[in-house]
Amino acid sequence: YFFIDSADTCLSPFFRLQKSDSIRILGLDFTSYGISASVWVSVLEELKQHVREAQEYDLPLLERRYLAQTVFCGRAWYVCHVVQPPLRVTRSMQSLLGSFFWSGGTELVCRAALGQPRNSGGFAFPSVSVRCRLLALRFLLRLLHGDECPARDLACYFLGTKIRYLLPEARLNSAPQVLNVPAFYSTAVAFYRHAQQVCPDVDILESRVVDLTAALLLPLVPPARLARSSRVSWSAITASFLPGHLRDFMWRLGWRVLPTRDRLERWGMVPSSTCPNCPLQESNQHVLQQCVIARVFWRAVNTGFRGLGVNRFVTSGRCSRSRFARLLIAAGAFCLWRNRCEAVAAGQRRRALFPILERLYSELLSFLSEELFFLGEEEFLRQWSCRFLSVINGRVRLAFHLAWFL
């Protein structure tokens, strides 16, 4: 299509030019005022459809982050290379992604902390406003630092005198320049100057987008959250080989956002913060370490699985490097939490040790059997080799006898 106004031109008698209100370039519709509003409408509708379909599945947090960053927002990231979304679109996208990640519930961890890498307690969850500006800035910098081409000349023209911030060696009066810099270019320059102040040592062109986003969001993390995160060995308690439900549970435990009664009392949801299994105040640390049933349970597990560093985790929070040890600790903590939830639901104390140990055995055997099925015996033993674990006749056998825990 030829981009022409609705009125006839002097060329109309000589050429049969087809008139159009919009033109499509690389899959995007543009009008005489810029990108068509229908583009952002379709982006939001596509995102809503993806979220609606994915909410039907019980996905772990790590898979939810992957879908949000790639499948859901792939088209939006593509558009943001050449145009910035309106504020209402940015807010709608962030709200939809947050609702999907938290399954429609309360956001338990601030968005800036959620955008940090996994070894810092986050999920590298995308911040729509930061990522959109960052993609546009990187695209513009690649044009300016690339070879001579028409796109580079146009970028230099529309940047005007602001080009000195992005390309200090550029000559200001060597070519025509726009008088009023368009919003897209002025926003990119302002964001570049902000990035230089926040993280001056980071190379915007060479660094990964997720790393740049995390560095830009880091000053927004509250100091109390940052101090708490630095004391947790996130790579150990949320290892990728753990089952999804255990990995999510340990992540919430690391941030201390499990719905214990001390938190619920502050929100006015329960009348008392007393532990359901003892007369002390309930907290995340109390449920899994200080409660009477927790002390008895970890003492029994440490006795039955000597040499795996269970007691070291309970006392100092440090985990062994063994895969089986990390799985054992995560499954044990999850079983303790399930026992606490059953005590709350029943309205009476649950201090019996054997039911918790039986649940622990079932958790371990169920997951390890799946691993054996998908990996095969040779690879399974290479990854999970341990003196408490063996494969006999194609089945996983655990050296797990209740008499050992007495």
Protein backbone atom coordinates (compact mmCIF):
# COMPACT_ATOMS: atom_id res chain seq x y z
CA TYR A 1 0.00 0.00 0.00
CA PHE A 2 1.04 3.60 -0.62
CA PHE A 3 0.66 5.81 2.40
CA ILE A 4 -1.44 8.74 1.17
CA ASP A 5 -3.97 11.10 2.70
CA SER A 6 -7.63 10.79 1.83
CA ALA A 7 -7.47 13.86 -0.45
CA ASP A 8 -6.39 13.53 -4.06
CA THR A 9 -2.86 14.59 -4.98
CA CYS A 10 -1.31 16.04 -8.10
CA LEU A 11 -0.16 12.54 -9.02
CA SER A 12 -3.69 11.12 -9.03
CA PRO A 13 -4.37 11.79 -12.75
CA PHE A 14 -1.15 10.04 -13.78
CA PHE A 15 -0.99 7.06 -11.38
CA ARG A 16 -3.65 4.82 -9.98
CA LEU A 17 -2.47 4.86 -6.39
CA GLN A 18 -4.37 2.80 -3.87
CA LYS A 19 -5.31 4.81 -0.81
CA SER A 20 -5.15 3.30 2.68
CA ASP A 21 -5.64 4.53 6.23
CA SER A 22 -2.86 2.27 7.52
CA ILE A 23 0.17 0.37 6.37
CA ARG A 24 1.61 -2.87 7.72
CA ILE A 25 5.37 -3.05 8.32
CA LEU A 26 6.85 -6.28 9.68
CA GLY A 27 3.50 -7.35 11.09
CA LEU A 28 2.64 -4.01 12.75
CA ASP A 29 -0.04 -1.59 11.57
CA PHE A 30 0.91 2.08 11.37
CA THR A 31 -1.23 5.15 10.68
CA SER A 32 -0.17 8.72 9.92
CA TYR A 33 -0.05 9.33 13.70
CA GLY A 34 2.14 6.33 14.54
CA ILE A 35 1.41 2.77 15.51
CA SER A 36 -2.24 1.79 15.28
CA ALA A 37 -4.18 1.55 18.55
CA SER A 38 -5.45 -1.84 17.43
CA VAL A 39 -1.94 -3.27 17.92
CA TRP A 40 -2.01 -2.73 21.69
CA VAL A 41 -5.62 -3.91 21.86
CA SER A 42 -4.64 -7.18 20.19
CA VAL A 43 -1.59 -7.53 22.48
CA LEU A 44 -3.79 -7.22 25.58
CA GLU A 45 -6.45 -9.56 24.22
CA GLU A 46 -3.82 -12.15 23.35
CA LEU A 47 -2.31 -11.86 26.84
CA LYS A 48 -5.72 -12.25 28.50
CA GLN A 49 -6.43 -15.33 26.41
CA HIS A 50 -3.10 -16.92 27.36
CA VAL A 51 -3.64 -16.20 31.06
CA ARG A 52 -7.18 -17.56 30.95
CA GLU A 53 -6.02 -20.83 29.38
CA ALA A 54 -2.97 -21.27 31.63
CA GLN A 55 -4.95 -20.67 34.84
CA GLU A 56 -6.66 -24.01 34.32
CA TYR A 57 -3.39 -25.80 35.17
CA ASP A 58 -1.69 -26.06 38.55
CA LEU A 59 1.76 -24.85 37.50
CA PRO A 60 4.78 -24.25 39.77
CA LEU A 61 6.06 -20.69 40.11
CA LEU A 62 9.12 -21.32 37.94
CA GLU A 63 6.96 -22.50 35.03
CA ARG A 64 4.62 -19.55 35.53
CA ARG A 65 7.54 -17.15 35.26
CA TYR A 66 8.73 -18.88 32.07
CA LEU A 67 5.31 -18.58 30.44
CA ALA A 68 4.93 -14.94 31.48
CA GLN A 69 8.32 -13.94 30.12
CA THR A 70 8.27 -15.83 26.83
CA VAL A 71 4.93 -17.14 25.58
CA PHE A 72 2.62 -14.50 27.05
CA CYS A 73 4.64 -11.36 26.31
CA GLY A 74 6.63 -12.40 23.24
CA ARG A 75 4.64 -10.18 20.88
CA ALA A 76 4.70 -7.25 23.30
CA TRP A 77 8.50 -7.43 23.56
CA TYR A 78 8.70 -7.43 19.75
CA VAL A 79 6.56 -4.30 19.46
CA CYS A 80 8.49 -2.49 22.22
CA HIS A 81 11.64 -2.41 20.10
CA VAL A 82 10.16 0.38 18.00
CA VAL A 83 7.40 1.96 20.10
CA GLN A 84 6.64 2.35 23.81
CA PRO A 85 3.28 1.10 25.12
CA PRO A 86 0.87 3.59 26.72
CA LEU A 87 0.77 3.69 30.51
CA ARG A 88 -2.62 1.99 30.68
CA VAL A 89 -1.29 -0.91 28.59
CA THR A 90 1.79 -1.27 30.80
CA ARG A 91 -0.31 -1.35 33.96
CA SER A 92 -2.78 -3.81 32.48
CA MET A 93 -0.01 -6.16 31.38
CA GLN A 94 1.74 -6.03 34.76
CA SER A 95 -1.54 -6.64 36.57
CA LEU A 96 -2.39 -9.64 34.39
CA LEU A 97 1.07 -11.16 34.80
CA GLY A 98 1.05 -10.63 38.56
CA SER A 99 -2.40 -12.13 38.91
CA PHE A 100 -1.31 -15.18 36.93
CA PHE A 101 1.92 -15.65 38.89
CA TRP A 102 0.18 -15.46 42.28
CA SER A 103 -2.89 -17.43 41.10
CA GLY A 104 -5.14 -14.45 41.73
CA GLY A 105 -4.02 -14.11 45.36
CA THR A 106 -2.09 -11.52 47.34
CA GLU A 107 1.38 -10.55 46.14
CA LEU A 108 3.51 -11.88 49.02
CA VAL A 109 6.85 -10.53 47.73
CA CYS A 110 7.38 -7.08 46.23
CA ARG A 111 7.79 -6.88 42.46
CA ALA A 112 11.31 -5.50 42.65
CA ALA A 113 12.45 -8.50 44.73
CA LEU A 114 10.62 -10.84 42.38
CA GLY A 115 12.62 -9.42 39.48
CA GLN A 116 15.95 -10.41 41.03
CA PRO A 117 17.77 -13.59 39.84
CA ARG A 118 16.99 -16.91 41.48
CA ASN A 119 20.22 -16.99 43.48
CA SER A 120 19.04 -13.76 45.14
CA GLY A 121 15.57 -14.99 46.02
CA GLY A 122 13.69 -13.83 42.93
CA PHE A 123 12.46 -15.44 39.74
CA ALA A 124 13.75 -12.87 37.23
CA PHE A 125 10.07 -12.02 36.77
CA PRO A 126 9.62 -9.39 34.07
CA SER A 127 8.86 -5.79 34.99
CA VAL A 128 6.87 -4.60 31.99
CA SER A 129 7.75 -0.91 32.24
CA VAL A 130 11.49 -1.50 32.75
CA ARG A 131 11.77 -4.22 30.12
CA CYS A 132 9.91 -2.22 27.46
CA ARG A 133 12.17 0.79 27.92
CA LEU A 134 15.25 -1.42 28.03
CA LEU A 135 14.41 -3.20 24.78
CA ALA A 136 13.82 0.10 23.00
CA LEU A 137 17.09 1.53 24.33
CA ARG A 138 19.13 -1.53 23.30
CA PHE A 139 17.63 -1.43 19.81
CA LEU A 140 18.49 2.25 19.49
CA LEU A 141 22.04 1.75 20.76
CA ARG A 142 22.61 -1.09 18.28
CA LEU A 143 21.57 1.23 15.46
CA LEU A 144 23.89 4.01 16.58
CA HIS A 145 26.88 1.74 17.13
CA GLY A 146 26.26 -0.33 14.00
CA ASP A 147 27.22 0.14 10.38
CA GLU A 148 25.98 2.97 8.20
CA CYS A 149 22.39 2.39 7.06
CA PRO A 150 19.23 4.44 6.48
CA ALA A 151 17.84 3.44 9.88
CA ARG A 152 20.93 4.84 11.60
CA ASP A 153 20.63 8.14 9.75
CA LEU A 154 16.96 8.42 10.72
CA ALA A 155 17.76 7.66 14.37
CA CYS A 156 20.43 10.38 14.39
CA TYR A 157 17.96 12.80 12.84
CA PHE A 158 15.14 12.14 15.32
CA LEU A 159 17.46 12.20 18.35
CA GLY A 160 18.43 15.78 17.59
CA THR A 161 20.89 17.28 20.04
CA LYS A 162 20.13 14.50 22.56
CA ILE A 163 22.33 12.20 20.51
CA ARG A 164 25.30 13.45 22.55
CA TYR A 165 24.09 11.34 25.51
CA LEU A 166 23.99 8.08 23.54
CA LEU A 167 26.83 8.78 21.11
CA PRO A 168 29.25 11.32 22.62
CA GLU A 169 31.57 11.25 19.60
CA ALA A 170 28.77 12.24 17.19
CA ARG A 171 29.06 15.62 15.45
CA LEU A 172 25.94 17.67 16.19
CA ASN A 173 25.93 19.94 13.15
CA SER A 174 27.07 17.49 10.49
CA ALA A 175 23.56 16.60 9.29
CA PRO A 176 19.96 17.82 9.60
CA GLN A 177 18.41 17.24 13.03
CA VAL A 178 14.87 17.44 14.31
CA LEU A 179 13.93 20.44 16.43
CA ASN A 180 11.41 18.69 18.71
CA VAL A 181 12.59 15.20 19.68
CA PRO A 182 9.76 12.60 19.52
CA ALA A 183 8.63 11.00 22.78
CA PHE A 184 10.08 7.58 21.88
CA TYR A 185 13.61 8.96 21.53
CA SER A 186 13.45 11.34 24.49
CA THR A 187 12.19 8.50 26.71
CA ALA A 188 15.04 6.26 25.57
CA VAL A 189 17.62 8.96 26.36
CA ALA A 190 16.11 9.63 29.79
CA PHE A 191 16.11 5.93 30.60
CA TYR A 192 19.73 5.63 29.47
CA ARG A 193 20.78 8.44 31.80
CA HIS A 194 18.87 6.79 34.66
CA ALA A 195 20.56 3.44 33.98
CA GLN A 196 23.97 5.10 33.99
CA GLN A 197 23.25 6.49 37.45
CA VAL A 198 21.86 3.27 38.93
CA CYS A 199 24.34 0.77 37.48
CA PRO A 200 27.18 2.63 35.70
CA ASP A 201 29.40 -0.46 35.42
CA VAL A 202 26.86 -2.52 33.46
CA ASP A 203 27.21 -2.73 29.68
CA ILE A 204 23.72 -2.28 28.28
CA LEU A 205 24.58 -3.79 24.90
CA GLU A 206 26.50 -6.84 26.12
CA SER A 207 24.62 -7.80 29.31
CA ARG A 208 21.52 -9.97 29.30
CA VAL A 209 18.15 -8.26 29.56
CA VAL A 210 17.22 -10.17 32.73
CA ASP A 211 20.48 -9.11 34.40
CA LEU A 212 19.97 -5.49 33.41
CA THR A 213 16.40 -5.55 34.69
CA ALA A 214 17.51 -7.01 38.02
CA ALA A 215 20.23 -4.36 38.40
CA LEU A 216 17.76 -1.55 37.69
CA LEU A 217 15.18 -2.96 40.13
CA LEU A 218 17.65 -3.64 42.95
CA PRO A 219 17.47 -0.12 44.49
CA LEU A 220 13.68 -0.55 44.77
CA VAL A 221 13.93 -3.62 47.04
CA PRO A 222 13.26 -2.63 50.68
CA PRO A 223 16.42 -2.86 52.84
CA ALA A 224 14.73 -5.28 55.27
CA ARG A 225 13.86 -7.64 52.42
CA LEU A 226 17.34 -7.32 50.97
CA ALA A 227 18.98 -8.17 54.30
CA ARG A 228 16.73 -11.18 54.77
CA SER A 229 17.42 -12.44 51.26
CA SER A 230 21.19 -12.23 51.70
CA ARG A 231 21.05 -14.68 54.63
CA VAL A 232 19.34 -17.46 52.64
CA SER A 233 21.09 -20.01 50.42
CA TRP A 234 18.54 -19.77 47.61
CA SER A 235 20.42 -21.96 45.14
CA ALA A 236 20.34 -24.81 47.68
CA ILE A 237 16.76 -24.66 48.98
CA THR A 238 15.17 -23.89 45.58
CA ALA A 239 17.31 -26.12 43.35
CA SER A 240 15.82 -26.77 39.93
CA PHE A 241 15.83 -30.56 40.38
CA LEU A 242 13.35 -30.38 43.28
CA PRO A 243 9.66 -31.09 42.61
CA GLY A 244 7.70 -27.97 41.81
CA HIS A 245 5.53 -27.97 44.95
CA LEU A 246 8.58 -28.46 47.21
CA ARG A 247 10.55 -25.75 45.40
CA ASP A 248 7.68 -23.27 45.77
CA PHE A 249 7.24 -24.16 49.44
CA MET A 250 10.93 -23.67 50.22
CA TRP A 251 10.92 -20.35 48.36
CA ARG A 252 8.04 -19.09 50.50
CA LEU A 253 9.82 -20.41 53.57
CA GLY A 254 12.98 -18.51 52.61
CA TRP A 255 11.01 -15.27 52.40
CA ARG A 256 9.04 -16.19 55.55
CA VAL A 257 5.69 -15.58 53.90
CA LEU A 258 3.97 -18.85 54.85
CA PRO A 259 0.51 -18.08 56.29
CA THR A 260 1.42 -18.73 59.93
CA ARG A 261 -0.75 -17.40 62.74
CA ASP A 262 1.55 -14.54 63.70
CA ARG A 263 1.08 -13.07 60.20
CA LEU A 264 -2.63 -13.85 60.09
CA GLU A 265 -3.16 -12.19 63.49
CA ARG A 266 -1.54 -8.97 62.24
CA TRP A 267 -3.98 -9.00 59.33
CA GLY A 268 -6.93 -9.58 61.70
CA MET A 269 -7.78 -12.99 60.22
CA VAL A 270 -7.31 -15.10 63.39
CA PRO A 271 -7.89 -14.15 67.05
CA SER A 272 -4.63 -15.61 68.36
CA SER A 273 -1.08 -16.31 67.18
CA THR A 274 -0.69 -19.44 69.33
CA CYS A 275 0.80 -22.49 67.61
CA PRO A 276 -1.77 -25.28 67.03
CA ASN A 277 0.68 -27.89 68.38
CA CYS A 278 2.14 -26.04 71.40
CA PRO A 279 1.41 -22.98 73.60
CA LEU A 280 4.09 -20.76 71.99
CA GLN A 281 3.64 -18.09 69.31
CA GLU A 282 3.62 -19.52 65.80
CA SER A 283 5.96 -18.18 63.13
CA ASN A 284 7.66 -19.57 60.03
CA GLN A 285 10.78 -20.40 62.02
CA HIS A 286 8.79 -21.85 64.92
CA VAL A 287 6.76 -24.26 62.78
CA LEU A 288 9.78 -25.86 61.12
CA GLN A 289 12.47 -25.59 63.81
CA GLN A 290 11.32 -24.62 67.30
CA CYS A 291 7.99 -26.39 67.79
CA VAL A 292 8.10 -29.53 69.92
CA ILE A 293 7.01 -31.79 67.05
CA ALA A 294 9.57 -30.14 64.72
CA ARG A 295 12.43 -30.79 67.15
CA VAL A 296 11.43 -34.42 67.57
CA PHE A 297 10.97 -34.89 63.83
CA TRP A 298 14.34 -33.43 62.78
CA ARG A 299 16.12 -35.35 65.52
CA ALA A 300 14.60 -38.57 64.18
CA VAL A 301 15.45 -37.75 60.55
CA ASN A 302 19.02 -36.85 61.48
CA THR A 303 19.32 -40.18 63.31
CA GLY A 304 17.95 -42.20 60.40
CA PHE A 305 19.95 -40.38 57.71
CA ARG A 306 23.25 -39.73 59.41
CA GLY A 307 25.90 -37.93 57.40
CA LEU A 308 23.53 -35.87 55.23
CA GLY A 309 23.79 -32.68 57.27
CA VAL A 310 20.17 -32.54 58.40
CA ASN A 311 21.06 -31.14 61.81
CA ARG A 312 23.27 -28.47 60.19
CA PHE A 313 20.32 -27.20 58.18
CA VAL A 314 18.08 -27.02 61.26
CA THR A 315 20.62 -25.12 63.35
CA SER A 316 22.29 -22.83 60.79
CA GLY A 317 20.20 -23.06 57.61
CA ARG A 318 23.07 -24.45 55.51
CA CYS A 319 22.34 -27.33 53.12
CA SER A 320 24.52 -30.19 51.99
CA ARG A 321 25.60 -30.36 48.35
CA SER A 322 24.09 -33.81 47.99
CA ARG A 323 20.97 -33.91 45.83
CA PHE A 324 19.33 -36.47 48.04
CA ALA A 325 20.06 -34.39 51.16
CA ARG A 326 18.40 -31.32 49.65
CA LEU A 327 15.40 -33.38 48.59
CA LEU A 328 15.18 -34.92 52.07
CA ILE A 329 15.26 -31.53 53.81
CA ALA A 330 12.70 -29.94 51.47
CA ALA A 331 10.34 -32.92 51.73
CA GLY A 332 10.75 -33.04 55.51
CA ALA A 333 9.94 -29.34 55.91
CA PHE A 334 6.92 -29.71 53.63
CA CYS A 335 5.62 -32.69 55.63
CA LEU A 336 5.95 -30.71 58.86
CA TRP A 337 3.95 -27.89 57.31
CA ARG A 338 1.26 -30.31 56.14
CA ASN A 339 1.02 -31.69 59.66
CA ARG A 340 0.59 -28.16 61.00
CA CYS A 341 -2.17 -27.43 58.46
CA GLU A 342 -3.99 -30.63 59.43
CA ALA A 343 -3.82 -29.59 63.10
CA VAL A 344 -5.35 -26.21 62.23
CA ALA A 345 -8.10 -27.81 60.14
CA ALA A 346 -8.92 -30.40 62.82
CA GLY A 347 -8.75 -27.90 65.68
CA GLN A 348 -6.57 -30.21 67.77
CA ARG A 349 -2.90 -30.97 68.21
CA ARG A 350 -1.10 -33.38 65.89
CA ARG A 351 2.06 -34.57 67.63
CA ALA A 352 2.30 -38.14 66.36
CA LEU A 353 5.67 -38.73 64.68
CA PHE A 354 4.97 -41.82 62.56
CA PRO A 355 2.33 -40.21 60.26
CA ILE A 356 4.81 -37.45 59.37
CA LEU A 357 7.56 -40.00 58.67
CA GLU A 358 5.19 -42.04 56.50
CA ARG A 359 4.30 -38.95 54.50
CA LEU A 360 8.01 -38.18 54.12
CA TYR A 361 8.65 -41.69 52.80
CA SER A 362 5.79 -41.35 50.30
CA GLU A 363 7.08 -37.97 49.07
CA LEU A 364 10.59 -39.30 48.53
CA LEU A 365 9.55 -42.56 46.89
CA SER A 366 7.00 -40.93 44.58
CA PHE A 367 9.42 -38.34 43.21
CA LEU A 368 12.40 -40.69 42.92
CA SER A 369 10.27 -43.24 41.06
CA GLU A 370 9.35 -40.57 38.51
CA GLU A 371 13.00 -39.63 38.15
CA LEU A 372 13.93 -43.27 37.53
CA PHE A 373 11.23 -43.58 34.88
CA PHE A 374 12.31 -40.47 32.94
CA LEU A 375 16.09 -40.71 33.38
CA GLY A 376 16.70 -44.44 33.16
CA GLU A 377 18.62 -46.47 35.71
CA GLU A 378 22.15 -45.45 34.71
CA GLU A 379 21.52 -41.70 34.63
CA PHE A 380 19.34 -41.90 37.73
CA LEU A 381 22.09 -43.53 39.78
CA ARG A 382 24.63 -41.05 38.44
CA GLN A 383 22.57 -38.11 39.66
CA TRP A 384 21.04 -39.52 42.83
CA SER A 385 23.65 -42.01 44.03
CA CYS A 386 23.49 -42.28 47.84
CA ARG A 387 24.02 -45.02 50.42
CA PHE A 388 20.37 -44.73 51.43
CA LEU A 389 19.16 -45.26 47.86
CA SER A 390 19.32 -48.18 45.44
CA VAL A 391 17.54 -49.62 42.40
CA ILE A 392 16.45 -53.26 42.60
CA ASN A 393 14.53 -54.95 39.77
CA GLY A 394 13.76 -51.60 38.17
CA ARG A 395 12.31 -50.10 41.36
CA VAL A 396 13.61 -47.51 43.77
CA ARG A 397 14.44 -48.83 47.22
CA LEU A 398 14.98 -46.50 50.17
CA ALA A 399 16.88 -47.56 53.27
CA PHE A 400 14.04 -46.20 55.35
CA HIS A 401 12.98 -48.18 58.41
CA LEU A 402 10.87 -46.61 61.13
CA ALA A 403 12.82 -48.49 63.81
CA TRP A 404 15.91 -46.44 62.87
CA PHE A 405 14.17 -43.23 63.91
CA LEU A 406 13.44 -44.29 67.48
